[in-house]
Amino acid sequence: MKMKWVFIGILLSLSIGMIPSSILAGGIAIPPQVLAFGGKTFAGFQDPEYQSYDQTLREYLVKRIDQQFGIALDPKKYSGFDLLEIKALFKCKKSNEPFDMFLEMFPKGW
């Protein structure tokens, strides 16, 4: 019975130790400017705090997409959520598929 608790304790400590390393894997960390908005609720799209969050998110994602895929996007043309979806699609695309094919799915400007 005691061995069971020791085994559970070891597994628990290993899993807790792996969480930060998986989040920060490859030296990729979300900047504090984006994390500052974590857990906040916004009144709507016109809320100044939401607009600040969206602008910060767009700038961060445009920079990450350029670093990872070599595609320079204009942060004014896409919303933060569009850029999140674009980044996810770029990660899943086949090597012979062009990036433009995925960008055509998103409306330009708003």
Protein backbone atom coordinates (compact mmCIF):
# COMPACT_ATOMS: atom_id res chain seq x y z
CA MET A 1 0.00 0.00 0.00
CA LYS A 2 2.82 2.37 0.90
CA MET A 3 4.60 1.58 -2.38
CA LYS A 4 1.48 2.63 -4.29
CA TRP A 5 1.60 6.14 -2.74
CA VAL A 6 5.32 6.46 -3.42
CA PHE A 7 4.72 5.55 -7.07
CA ILE A 8 1.84 8.06 -7.35
CA GLY A 9 4.03 10.74 -5.75
CA ILE A 10 6.85 10.11 -8.22
CA LEU A 11 4.48 10.27 -11.20
CA LEU A 12 2.91 13.46 -9.88
CA SER A 13 6.26 15.18 -9.36
CA LEU A 14 7.46 14.13 -12.82
CA SER A 15 4.33 15.42 -14.51
CA ILE A 16 4.50 18.75 -12.67
CA GLY A 17 8.16 19.07 -13.65
CA MET A 18 7.38 18.45 -17.31
CA ILE A 19 4.69 21.13 -17.64
CA PRO A 20 6.99 24.19 -17.59
CA SER A 21 9.51 22.51 -19.86
CA SER A 22 6.86 21.67 -22.44
CA ILE A 23 5.49 25.23 -22.37
CA LEU A 24 8.91 26.80 -22.82
CA ALA A 25 10.20 24.15 -25.24
CA GLY A 26 12.50 25.43 -27.91
CA GLY A 27 12.94 28.81 -26.22
CA ILE A 28 9.45 29.86 -27.29
CA ALA A 29 7.68 31.87 -24.64
CA ILE A 30 4.62 34.06 -24.87
CA PRO A 31 5.66 37.64 -24.12
CA PRO A 32 4.40 39.26 -20.92
CA GLN A 33 2.46 41.85 -22.95
CA VAL A 34 0.14 39.10 -24.21
CA LEU A 35 0.02 37.26 -20.88
CA ALA A 36 -1.05 40.47 -19.12
CA PHE A 37 -4.50 40.03 -20.68
CA GLY A 38 -4.94 36.47 -19.41
CA GLY A 39 -8.26 35.89 -17.66
CA LYS A 40 -9.70 39.30 -18.53
CA THR A 41 -13.17 39.70 -19.94
CA PHE A 42 -14.03 42.40 -22.43
CA ALA A 43 -17.27 44.29 -23.00
CA GLY A 44 -17.01 43.82 -26.76
CA PHE A 45 -14.96 44.53 -29.85
CA GLN A 46 -15.05 48.27 -29.19
CA ASP A 47 -13.62 47.91 -25.68
CA PRO A 48 -10.25 49.75 -25.61
CA GLU A 49 -8.67 46.93 -23.58
CA TYR A 50 -9.81 44.37 -26.16
CA GLN A 51 -8.38 46.48 -28.97
CA SER A 52 -5.08 46.72 -27.09
CA TYR A 53 -5.07 42.95 -26.55
CA ASP A 54 -5.87 42.26 -30.20
CA GLN A 55 -3.13 44.62 -31.40
CA THR A 56 -0.55 43.02 -29.08
CA LEU A 57 -1.62 39.54 -30.14
CA ARG A 58 -1.43 40.45 -33.83
CA GLU A 59 2.07 41.91 -33.52
CA TYR A 60 3.29 38.83 -31.63
CA LEU A 61 1.75 36.35 -34.07
CA VAL A 62 3.01 38.18 -37.17
CA LYS A 63 6.51 38.06 -35.69
CA ARG A 64 6.21 34.33 -34.84
CA ILE A 65 4.83 33.42 -38.30
CA ASP A 66 7.69 35.29 -39.93
CA GLN A 67 10.25 33.51 -37.71
CA GLN A 68 8.79 30.03 -38.16
CA PHE A 69 7.65 30.07 -41.77
CA GLY A 70 9.37 33.06 -43.39
CA ILE A 71 6.05 34.64 -44.37
CA ALA A 72 5.72 38.36 -43.63
CA LEU A 73 2.10 39.29 -42.92
CA ASP A 74 0.60 42.69 -42.25
CA PRO A 75 -0.88 42.80 -38.71
CA LYS A 76 -3.47 45.33 -39.89
CA LYS A 77 -4.98 42.95 -42.45
CA TYR A 78 -5.86 40.09 -40.10
CA SER A 79 -7.43 39.87 -36.65
CA GLY A 80 -5.57 38.16 -33.82
CA PHE A 81 -7.84 35.13 -34.06
CA ASP A 82 -7.33 34.93 -37.84
CA LEU A 83 -3.58 34.90 -37.26
CA LEU A 84 -3.92 32.13 -34.68
CA GLU A 85 -5.82 30.07 -37.24
CA ILE A 86 -3.33 30.89 -39.99
CA LYS A 87 -0.43 29.78 -37.80
CA ALA A 88 -2.22 26.51 -36.99
CA LEU A 89 -2.92 25.88 -40.68
CA PHE A 90 0.69 26.59 -41.61
CA LYS A 91 1.82 24.00 -39.05
CA CYS A 92 -0.47 21.38 -40.62
CA LYS A 93 0.19 22.11 -44.29
CA LYS A 94 2.03 19.68 -46.51
CA SER A 95 5.47 20.70 -47.73
CA ASN A 96 4.32 20.93 -51.36
CA GLU A 97 1.31 23.15 -50.60
CA PRO A 98 1.73 26.91 -51.12
CA PHE A 99 1.11 29.31 -48.25
CA ASP A 100 -1.08 31.50 -50.47
CA MET A 101 -3.69 28.77 -50.66
CA PHE A 102 -4.31 29.12 -46.93
CA LEU A 103 -4.18 32.91 -46.87
CA GLU A 104 -6.94 33.10 -49.50
CA MET A 105 -9.37 31.66 -46.93
CA PHE A 106 -9.19 34.81 -44.82
CA PRO A 107 -10.76 38.16 -45.64
CA LYS A 108 -8.24 40.93 -46.13
CA GLY A 109 -8.76 43.88 -43.84
CA TRP A 110 -11.67 44.79 -41.63
